[in-house]
Amino acid sequence: MIKTEKKLESIEEQIKKLKEKQKRLEKKQRMDIGKALLDEWAISDIDIVLELITHFKPQVDEYIKAKKEKCLSENIKSIENNNVTYEESNG
């Protein structure tokens, strides 16, 4: 029984460490994205950056929506093609 409890504690500690690592990586990713954006746009004024983000948000949202829809459509076609191939070979 003690071994099981120790294993559970070990697993819980590993989960805790992985969650902390995930937070660090997410923070680094956001910083890297922000840096890339600032470098690409050659802007250092935070007010201008925030204004541009607000201005372009609707266009970015539409772009992301279109990308997701295209990806979903391609996945559905792939699944349909795989089903047809499976049915033909087992038909």
PDB file of N, CA and C in Angstrom:
ATOM      1  N   MET A   1       0.815  -1.191   0.000  1.00  0.00           N
ATOM      2  CA  MET A   1       0.000   0.000   0.000  1.00  0.00           C
ATOM      3  C   MET A   1       0.863   1.262   0.000  1.00  0.00           C
ATOM      4  N   ILE A   2       1.942   1.241   0.750  1.00  0.00           N
ATOM      5  CA  ILE A   2       2.839   2.394   0.816  1.00  0.00           C
ATOM      6  C   ILE A   2       3.484   2.640  -0.543  1.00  0.00           C
ATOM      7  N   LYS A   3       3.851   1.565  -1.247  1.00  0.00           N
ATOM      8  CA  LYS A   3       4.454   1.717  -2.572  1.00  0.00           C
ATOM      9  C   LYS A   3       3.499   2.429  -3.525  1.00  0.00           C
ATOM     10  N   THR A   4       2.246   2.045  -3.459  1.00  0.00           N
ATOM     11  CA  THR A   4       1.241   2.661  -4.325  1.00  0.00           C
ATOM     12  C   THR A   4       1.111   4.145  -4.018  1.00  0.00           C
ATOM     13  N   GLU A   5       1.078   4.491  -2.750  1.00  0.00           N
ATOM     14  CA  GLU A   5       0.971   5.897  -2.359  1.00  0.00           C
ATOM     15  C   GLU A   5       2.188   6.689  -2.834  1.00  0.00           C
ATOM     16  N   LYS A   6       3.369   6.098  -2.705  1.00  0.00           N
ATOM     17  CA  LYS A   6       4.586   6.776  -3.153  1.00  0.00           C
ATOM     18  C   LYS A   6       4.567   6.961  -4.671  1.00  0.00           C
ATOM     19  N   LYS A   7       4.085   5.954  -5.389  1.00  0.00           N
ATOM     20  CA  LYS A   7       3.986   6.067  -6.843  1.00  0.00           C
ATOM     21  C   LYS A   7       3.023   7.177  -7.232  1.00  0.00           C
ATOM     22  N   LEU A   8       1.891   7.245  -6.521  1.00  0.00           N
ATOM     23  CA  LEU A   8       0.917   8.292  -6.799  1.00  0.00           C
ATOM     24  C   LEU A   8       1.508   9.676  -6.522  1.00  0.00           C
ATOM     25  N   GLU A   9       2.219   9.812  -5.425  1.00  0.00           N
ATOM     26  CA  GLU A   9       2.859  11.078  -5.095  1.00  0.00           C
ATOM     27  C   GLU A   9       3.885  11.453  -6.158  1.00  0.00           C
ATOM     28  N   SER A  10       4.625  10.459  -6.615  1.00  0.00           N
ATOM     29  CA  SER A  10       5.627  10.698  -7.647  1.00  0.00           C
ATOM     30  C   SER A  10       4.956  11.172  -8.939  1.00  0.00           C
ATOM     31  N   ILE A  11       3.878  10.540  -9.297  1.00  0.00           N
ATOM     32  CA  ILE A  11       3.146  10.920 -10.510  1.00  0.00           C
ATOM     33  C   ILE A  11       2.585  12.327 -10.366  1.00  0.00           C
ATOM     34  N   GLU A  12       2.023  12.637  -9.197  1.00  0.00           N
ATOM     35  CA  GLU A  12       1.478  13.965  -8.955  1.00  0.00           C
ATOM     36  C   GLU A  12       2.582  15.026  -9.036  1.00  0.00           C
ATOM     37  N   GLU A  13       3.755  14.711  -8.534  1.00  0.00           N
ATOM     38  CA  GLU A  13       4.881  15.637  -8.598  1.00  0.00           C
ATOM     39  C   GLU A  13       5.325  15.837 -10.044  1.00  0.00           C
ATOM     40  N   GLN A  14       5.347  14.757 -10.808  1.00  0.00           N
ATOM     41  CA  GLN A  14       5.709  14.861 -12.222  1.00  0.00           C
ATOM     42  C   GLN A  14       4.702  15.735 -12.976  1.00  0.00           C
ATOM     43  N   ILE A  15       3.423  15.552 -12.673  1.00  0.00           N
ATOM     44  CA  ILE A  15       2.379  16.350 -13.312  1.00  0.00           C
ATOM     45  C   ILE A  15       2.578  17.826 -12.971  1.00  0.00           C
ATOM     46  N   LYS A  16       2.856  18.093 -11.702  1.00  0.00           N
ATOM     47  CA  LYS A  16       3.078  19.467 -11.255  1.00  0.00           C
ATOM     48  C   LYS A  16       4.261  20.089 -12.006  1.00  0.00           C
ATOM     49  N   LYS A  17       5.352  19.343 -12.123  1.00  0.00           N
ATOM     50  CA  LYS A  17       6.532  19.845 -12.825  1.00  0.00           C
ATOM     51  C   LYS A  17       6.244  20.078 -14.304  1.00  0.00           C
ATOM     52  N   LEU A  18       5.491  19.178 -14.905  1.00  0.00           N
ATOM     53  CA  LEU A  18       5.149  19.327 -16.323  1.00  0.00           C
ATOM     54  C   LEU A  18       4.243  20.535 -16.553  1.00  0.00           C
ATOM     55  N   LYS A  19       3.316  20.783 -15.631  1.00  0.00           N
ATOM     56  CA  LYS A  19       2.457  21.956 -15.756  1.00  0.00           C
ATOM     57  C   LYS A  19       3.272  23.241 -15.628  1.00  0.00           C
ATOM     58  N   GLU A  20       4.242  23.250 -14.723  1.00  0.00           N
ATOM     59  CA  GLU A  20       5.117  24.407 -14.568  1.00  0.00           C
ATOM     60  C   GLU A  20       5.946  24.615 -15.835  1.00  0.00           C
ATOM     61  N   LYS A  21       6.441  23.516 -16.393  1.00  0.00           N
ATOM     62  CA  LYS A  21       7.223  23.606 -17.633  1.00  0.00           C
ATOM     63  C   LYS A  21       6.346  24.125 -18.771  1.00  0.00           C
ATOM     64  N   GLN A  22       5.117  23.650 -18.828  1.00  0.00           N
ATOM     65  CA  GLN A  22       4.194  24.104 -19.859  1.00  0.00           C
ATOM     66  C   GLN A  22       3.966  25.612 -19.744  1.00  0.00           C
ATOM     67  N   LYS A  23       3.773  26.109 -18.535  1.00  0.00           N
ATOM     68  CA  LYS A  23       3.576  27.546 -18.332  1.00  0.00           C
ATOM     69  C   LYS A  23       4.794  28.335 -18.793  1.00  0.00           C
ATOM     70  N   ARG A  24       5.987  27.844 -18.468  1.00  0.00           N
ATOM     71  CA  ARG A  24       7.215  28.524 -18.893  1.00  0.00           C
ATOM     72  C   ARG A  24       7.318  28.556 -20.418  1.00  0.00           C
ATOM     73  N   LEU A  25       7.018  27.428 -21.051  1.00  0.00           N
ATOM     74  CA  LEU A  25       7.106  27.356 -22.512  1.00  0.00           C
ATOM     75  C   LEU A  25       6.061  28.254 -23.177  1.00  0.00           C
ATOM     76  N   GLU A  26       4.853  28.306 -22.604  1.00  0.00           N
ATOM     77  CA  GLU A  26       3.822  29.180 -23.153  1.00  0.00           C
ATOM     78  C   GLU A  26       4.236  30.646 -23.021  1.00  0.00           C
ATOM     79  N   LYS A  27       4.823  31.003 -21.884  1.00  0.00           N
ATOM     80  CA  LYS A  27       5.287  32.368 -21.675  1.00  0.00           C
ATOM     81  C   LYS A  27       6.388  32.711 -22.678  1.00  0.00           C
ATOM     82  N   LYS A  28       7.327  31.786 -22.869  1.00  0.00           N
ATOM     83  CA  LYS A  28       8.405  32.009 -23.830  1.00  0.00           C
ATOM     84  C   LYS A  28       7.844  32.152 -25.243  1.00  0.00           C
ATOM     85  N   GLN A  29       6.876  31.324 -25.572  1.00  0.00           N
ATOM     86  CA  GLN A  29       6.268  31.388 -26.903  1.00  0.00           C
ATOM     87  C   GLN A  29       5.614  32.756 -27.130  1.00  0.00           C
ATOM     88  N   ARG A  30       4.861  33.245 -26.137  1.00  0.00           N
ATOM     89  CA  ARG A  30       4.229  34.559 -26.277  1.00  0.00           C
ATOM     90  C   ARG A  30       5.281  35.656 -26.442  1.00  0.00           C
ATOM     91  N   MET A  31       6.348  35.549 -25.688  1.00  0.00           N
ATOM     92  CA  MET A  31       7.412  36.552 -25.795  1.00  0.00           C
ATOM     93  C   MET A  31       8.078  36.492 -27.167  1.00  0.00           C
ATOM     94  N   ASP A  32       8.322  35.285 -27.662  1.00  0.00           N
ATOM     95  CA  ASP A  32       8.934  35.121 -28.979  1.00  0.00           C
ATOM     96  C   ASP A  32       8.031  35.676 -30.080  1.00  0.00           C
ATOM     97  N   ILE A  33       6.734  35.414 -29.953  1.00  0.00           N
ATOM     98  CA  ILE A  33       5.778  35.921 -30.941  1.00  0.00           C
ATOM     99  C   ILE A  33       5.753  37.443 -30.907  1.00  0.00           C
ATOM    100  N   GLY A  34       5.696  37.997 -29.710  1.00  0.00           N
ATOM    101  CA  GLY A  34       5.697  39.454 -29.571  1.00  0.00           C
ATOM    102  C   GLY A  34       6.962  40.072 -30.151  1.00  0.00           C
ATOM    103  N   LYS A  35       8.094  39.465 -29.871  1.00  0.00           N
ATOM    104  CA  LYS A  35       9.362  39.969 -30.395  1.00  0.00           C
ATOM    105  C   LYS A  35       9.367  39.903 -31.924  1.00  0.00           C
ATOM    106  N   ALA A  36       8.913  38.784 -32.477  1.00  0.00           N
ATOM    107  CA  ALA A  36       8.883  38.635 -33.934  1.00  0.00           C
ATOM    108  C   ALA A  36       7.977  39.687 -34.562  1.00  0.00           C
ATOM    109  N   LEU A  37       6.834  39.935 -33.945  1.00  0.00           N
ATOM    110  CA  LEU A  37       5.909  40.929 -34.458  1.00  0.00           C
ATOM    111  C   LEU A  37       6.532  42.326 -34.430  1.00  0.00           C
ATOM    112  N   LEU A  38       7.133  42.667 -33.302  1.00  0.00           N
ATOM    113  CA  LEU A  38       7.771  43.978 -33.182  1.00  0.00           C
ATOM    114  C   LEU A  38       8.932  44.127 -34.164  1.00  0.00           C
ATOM    115  N   ASP A  39       9.715  43.084 -34.319  1.00  0.00           N
ATOM    116  CA  ASP A  39      10.831  43.132 -35.267  1.00  0.00           C
ATOM    117  C   ASP A  39      10.328  43.260 -36.709  1.00  0.00           C
ATOM    118  N   GLU A  40       9.310  42.475 -37.050  1.00  0.00           N
ATOM    119  CA  GLU A  40       8.780  42.472 -38.412  1.00  0.00           C
ATOM    120  C   GLU A  40       8.168  43.824 -38.762  1.00  0.00           C
ATOM    121  N   TRP A  41       7.433  44.394 -37.823  1.00  0.00           N
ATOM    122  CA  TRP A  41       6.795  45.677 -38.071  1.00  0.00           C
ATOM    123  C   TRP A  41       7.719  46.849 -37.766  1.00  0.00           C
ATOM    124  N   ALA A  42       8.861  46.599 -37.188  1.00  0.00           N
ATOM    125  CA  ALA A  42       9.830  47.639 -36.824  1.00  0.00           C
ATOM    126  C   ALA A  42       9.174  48.737 -35.982  1.00  0.00           C
ATOM    127  N   ILE A  43       8.468  48.296 -34.951  1.00  0.00           N
ATOM    128  CA  ILE A  43       7.754  49.215 -34.061  1.00  0.00           C
ATOM    129  C   ILE A  43       8.216  48.982 -32.632  1.00  0.00           C
ATOM    130  N   SER A  44       8.386  50.077 -31.903  1.00  0.00           N
ATOM    131  CA  SER A  44       8.729  49.936 -30.494  1.00  0.00           C
ATOM    132  C   SER A  44       7.728  50.651 -29.592  1.00  0.00           C
ATOM    133  N   ASP A  45       6.844  51.455 -30.177  1.00  0.00           N
ATOM    134  CA  ASP A  45       5.845  52.191 -29.406  1.00  0.00           C
ATOM    135  C   ASP A  45       4.673  51.255 -29.073  1.00  0.00           C
ATOM    136  N   ILE A  46       4.514  50.953 -27.801  1.00  0.00           N
ATOM    137  CA  ILE A  46       3.493  49.995 -27.363  1.00  0.00           C
ATOM    138  C   ILE A  46       2.087  50.459 -27.723  1.00  0.00           C
ATOM    139  N   ASP A  47       1.839  51.763 -27.655  1.00  0.00           N
ATOM    140  CA  ASP A  47       0.498  52.270 -27.985  1.00  0.00           C
ATOM    141  C   ASP A  47       0.151  52.009 -29.445  1.00  0.00           C
ATOM    142  N   ILE A  48       1.118  52.206 -30.327  1.00  0.00           N
ATOM    143  CA  ILE A  48       0.889  51.937 -31.756  1.00  0.00           C
ATOM    144  C   ILE A  48       0.674  50.447 -31.977  1.00  0.00           C
ATOM    145  N   VAL A  49       1.467  49.632 -31.312  1.00  0.00           N
ATOM    146  CA  VAL A  49       1.326  48.178 -31.452  1.00  0.00           C
ATOM    147  C   VAL A  49      -0.074  47.746 -31.026  1.00  0.00           C
ATOM    148  N   LEU A  50      -0.528  48.211 -29.876  1.00  0.00           N
ATOM    149  CA  LEU A  50      -1.855  47.840 -29.384  1.00  0.00           C
ATOM    150  C   LEU A  50      -2.955  48.337 -30.317  1.00  0.00           C
ATOM    151  N   GLU A  51      -2.769  49.529 -30.868  1.00  0.00           N
ATOM    152  CA  GLU A  51      -3.734  50.074 -31.815  1.00  0.00           C
ATOM    153  C   GLU A  51      -3.794  49.206 -33.083  1.00  0.00           C
ATOM    154  N   LEU A  52      -2.634  48.798 -33.580  1.00  0.00           N
ATOM    155  CA  LEU A  52      -2.593  47.943 -34.776  1.00  0.00           C
ATOM    156  C   LEU A  52      -3.222  46.581 -34.505  1.00  0.00           C
ATOM    157  N   ILE A  53      -2.950  46.025 -33.354  1.00  0.00           N
ATOM    158  CA  ILE A  53      -3.540  44.722 -33.001  1.00  0.00           C
ATOM    159  C   ILE A  53      -5.063  44.837 -32.991  1.00  0.00           C
ATOM    160  N   THR A  54      -5.579  45.875 -32.358  1.00  0.00           N
ATOM    161  CA  THR A  54      -7.028  46.090 -32.314  1.00  0.00           C
ATOM    162  C   THR A  54      -7.585  46.309 -33.718  1.00  0.00           C
ATOM    163  N   HIS A  55      -6.882  47.082 -34.520  1.00  0.00           N
ATOM    164  CA  HIS A  55      -7.331  47.383 -35.880  1.00  0.00           C
ATOM    165  C   HIS A  55      -7.399  46.120 -36.752  1.00  0.00           C
ATOM    166  N   PHE A  56      -6.380  45.279 -36.655  1.00  0.00           N
ATOM    167  CA  PHE A  56      -6.306  44.115 -37.532  1.00  0.00           C
ATOM    168  C   PHE A  56      -6.966  42.863 -36.963  1.00  0.00           C
ATOM    169  N   LYS A  57      -7.468  42.911 -35.743  1.00  0.00           N
ATOM    170  CA  LYS A  57      -8.060  41.726 -35.122  1.00  0.00           C
ATOM    171  C   LYS A  57      -9.180  41.096 -35.960  1.00  0.00           C
ATOM    172  N   PRO A  58     -10.142  41.889 -36.476  1.00  0.00           N
ATOM    173  CA  PRO A  58     -11.197  41.258 -37.290  1.00  0.00           C
ATOM    174  C   PRO A  58     -10.646  40.511 -38.510  1.00  0.00           C
ATOM    175  N   GLN A  59      -9.644  41.090 -39.164  1.00  0.00           N
ATOM    176  CA  GLN A  59      -9.056  40.427 -40.328  1.00  0.00           C
ATOM    177  C   GLN A  59      -8.321  39.144 -39.919  1.00  0.00           C
ATOM    178  N   VAL A  60      -7.638  39.203 -38.808  1.00  0.00           N
ATOM    179  CA  VAL A  60      -6.923  38.026 -38.313  1.00  0.00           C
ATOM    180  C   VAL A  60      -7.923  36.932 -37.937  1.00  0.00           C
ATOM    181  N   ASP A  61      -9.010  37.334 -37.281  1.00  0.00           N
ATOM    182  CA  ASP A  61     -10.040  36.360 -36.914  1.00  0.00           C
ATOM    183  C   ASP A  61     -10.611  35.666 -38.153  1.00  0.00           C
ATOM    184  N   GLU A  62     -10.885  36.441 -39.196  1.00  0.00           N
ATOM    185  CA  GLU A  62     -11.408  35.871 -40.440  1.00  0.00           C
ATOM    186  C   GLU A  62     -10.388  34.940 -41.090  1.00  0.00           C
ATOM    187  N   TYR A  63      -9.142  35.348 -41.078  1.00  0.00           N
ATOM    188  CA  TYR A  63      -8.065  34.526 -41.654  1.00  0.00           C
ATOM    189  C   TYR A  63      -7.969  33.194 -40.922  1.00  0.00           C
ATOM    190  N   ILE A  64      -7.985  33.250 -39.604  1.00  0.00           N
ATOM    191  CA  ILE A  64      -7.893  32.023 -38.798  1.00  0.00           C
ATOM    192  C   ILE A  64      -9.109  31.141 -39.036  1.00  0.00           C
ATOM    193  N   LYS A  65     -10.284  31.738 -39.091  1.00  0.00           N
ATOM    194  CA  LYS A  65     -11.514  30.982 -39.344  1.00  0.00           C
ATOM    195  C   LYS A  65     -11.442  30.267 -40.689  1.00  0.00           C
ATOM    196  N   ALA A  66     -10.988  30.978 -41.717  1.00  0.00           N
ATOM    197  CA  ALA A  66     -10.873  30.384 -43.054  1.00  0.00           C
ATOM    198  C   ALA A  66      -9.864  29.242 -43.054  1.00  0.00           C
ATOM    199  N   LYS A  67      -8.742  29.430 -42.352  1.00  0.00           N
ATOM    200  CA  LYS A  67      -7.724  28.374 -42.277  1.00  0.00           C
ATOM    201  C   LYS A  67      -8.290  27.128 -41.603  1.00  0.00           C
ATOM    202  N   LYS A  68      -9.013  27.327 -40.494  1.00  0.00           N
ATOM    203  CA  LYS A  68      -9.599  26.197 -39.774  1.00  0.00           C
ATOM    204  C   LYS A  68     -10.622  25.474 -40.632  1.00  0.00           C
ATOM    205  N   GLU A  69     -11.454  26.241 -41.342  1.00  0.00           N
ATOM    206  CA  GLU A  69     -12.462  25.632 -42.207  1.00  0.00           C
ATOM    207  C   GLU A  69     -11.816  24.842 -43.337  1.00  0.00           C
ATOM    208  N   LYS A  70     -10.752  25.395 -43.905  1.00  0.00           N
ATOM    209  CA  LYS A  70     -10.047  24.702 -44.979  1.00  0.00           C
ATOM    210  C   LYS A  70      -9.431  23.413 -44.451  1.00  0.00           C
ATOM    211  N   CYS A  71      -8.819  23.477 -43.302  1.00  0.00           N
ATOM    212  CA  CYS A  71      -8.195  22.303 -42.695  1.00  0.00           C
ATOM    213  C   CYS A  71      -9.254  21.243 -42.393  1.00  0.00           C
ATOM    214  N   LEU A  72     -10.381  21.671 -41.821  1.00  0.00           N
ATOM    215  CA  LEU A  72     -11.460  20.738 -41.517  1.00  0.00           C
ATOM    216  C   LEU A  72     -11.986  20.092 -42.787  1.00  0.00           C
ATOM    217  N   SER A  73     -12.170  20.902 -43.824  1.00  0.00           N
ATOM    218  CA  SER A  73     -12.663  20.391 -45.098  1.00  0.00           C
ATOM    219  C   SER A  73     -11.699  19.363 -45.686  1.00  0.00           C
ATOM    220  N   GLU A  74     -10.397  19.671 -45.618  1.00  0.00           N
ATOM    221  CA  GLU A  74      -9.395  18.740 -46.136  1.00  0.00           C
ATOM    222  C   GLU A  74      -9.378  17.443 -45.325  1.00  0.00           C
ATOM    223  N   ASN A  75      -9.554  17.550 -44.015  1.00  0.00           N
ATOM    224  CA  ASN A  75      -9.589  16.349 -43.171  1.00  0.00           C
ATOM    225  C   ASN A  75     -10.806  15.493 -43.490  1.00  0.00           C
ATOM    226  N   ILE A  76     -11.945  16.142 -43.706  1.00  0.00           N
ATOM    227  CA  ILE A  76     -13.161  15.389 -44.044  1.00  0.00           C
ATOM    228  C   ILE A  76     -12.983  14.680 -45.377  1.00  0.00           C
ATOM    229  N   LYS A  77     -12.417  15.379 -46.364  1.00  0.00           N
ATOM    230  CA  LYS A  77     -12.174  14.748 -47.668  1.00  0.00           C
ATOM    231  C   LYS A  77     -11.221  13.565 -47.529  1.00  0.00           C
ATOM    232  N   SER A  78     -10.199  13.717 -46.725  1.00  0.00           N
ATOM    233  CA  SER A  78      -9.235  12.642 -46.516  1.00  0.00           C
ATOM    234  C   SER A  78      -9.912  11.429 -45.879  1.00  0.00           C
ATOM    235  N   ILE A  79     -10.745  11.685 -44.893  1.00  0.00           N
ATOM    236  CA  ILE A  79     -11.463  10.586 -44.236  1.00  0.00           C
ATOM    237  C   ILE A  79     -12.405   9.909 -45.220  1.00  0.00           C
ATOM    238  N   GLU A  80     -13.117  10.705 -46.001  1.00  0.00           N
ATOM    239  CA  GLU A  80     -14.027  10.138 -46.999  1.00  0.00           C
ATOM    240  C   GLU A  80     -13.262   9.300 -48.012  1.00  0.00           C
ATOM    241  N   ASN A  81     -12.113   9.790 -48.471  1.00  0.00           N
ATOM    242  CA  ASN A  81     -11.297   9.037 -49.429  1.00  0.00           C
ATOM    243  C   ASN A  81     -10.791   7.743 -48.821  1.00  0.00           C
ATOM    244  N   ASN A  82     -10.392   7.793 -47.565  1.00  0.00           N
ATOM    245  CA  ASN A  82      -9.930   6.578 -46.884  1.00  0.00           C
ATOM    246  C   ASN A  82     -11.065   5.580 -46.734  1.00  0.00           C
ATOM    247  N   ASN A  83     -12.267   6.063 -46.452  1.00  0.00           N
ATOM    248  CA  ASN A  83     -13.416   5.170 -46.320  1.00  0.00           C
ATOM    249  C   ASN A  83     -13.746   4.511 -47.649  1.00  0.00           C
ATOM    250  N   VAL A  84     -13.688   5.285 -48.742  1.00  0.00           N
ATOM    251  CA  VAL A  84     -13.964   4.722 -50.067  1.00  0.00           C
ATOM    252  C   VAL A  84     -12.923   3.673 -50.398  1.00  0.00           C
ATOM    253  N   THR A  85     -11.657   3.962 -50.140  1.00  0.00           N
ATOM    254  CA  THR A  85     -10.584   3.010 -50.415  1.00  0.00           C
ATOM    255  C   THR A  85     -10.779   1.744 -49.591  1.00  0.00           C
ATOM    256  N   TYR A  86     -11.155   1.898 -48.319  1.00  0.00           N
ATOM    257  CA  TYR A  86     -11.371   0.743 -47.438  1.00  0.00           C
ATOM    258  C   TYR A  86     -12.537  -0.085 -47.941  1.00  0.00           C
ATOM    259  N   GLU A  87     -13.643   0.586 -48.317  1.00  0.00           N
ATOM    260  CA  GLU A  87     -14.819  -0.128 -48.797  1.00  0.00           C
ATOM    261  C   GLU A  87     -14.530  -0.849 -50.109  1.00  0.00           C
ATOM    262  N   GLU A  88     -13.749  -0.223 -50.980  1.00  0.00           N
ATOM    263  CA  GLU A  88     -13.415  -0.843 -52.258  1.00  0.00           C
ATOM    264  C   GLU A  88     -12.558  -2.087 -52.046  1.00  0.00           C
ATOM    265  N   SER A  89     -11.618  -2.007 -51.097  1.00  0.00           N
ATOM    266  CA  SER A  89     -10.736  -3.150 -50.886  1.00  0.00           C
ATOM    267  C   SER A  89     -11.401  -4.262 -50.099  1.00  0.00           C
ATOM    268  N   ASN A  90     -12.472  -3.947 -49.372  1.00  0.00           N
ATOM    269  CA  ASN A  90     -13.174  -4.962 -48.588  1.00  0.00           C
ATOM    270  C   ASN A  90     -14.557  -5.253 -49.164  1.00  0.00           C
ATOM    271  N   GLY A  91     -14.859  -4.673 -50.296  1.00  0.00           N
ATOM    272  CA  GLY A  91     -16.186  -4.733 -50.860  1.00  0.00           C
ATOM    273  C   GLY A  91     -16.564  -5.966 -51.495  1.00  0.00           C
TER     274      GLY A  91
END
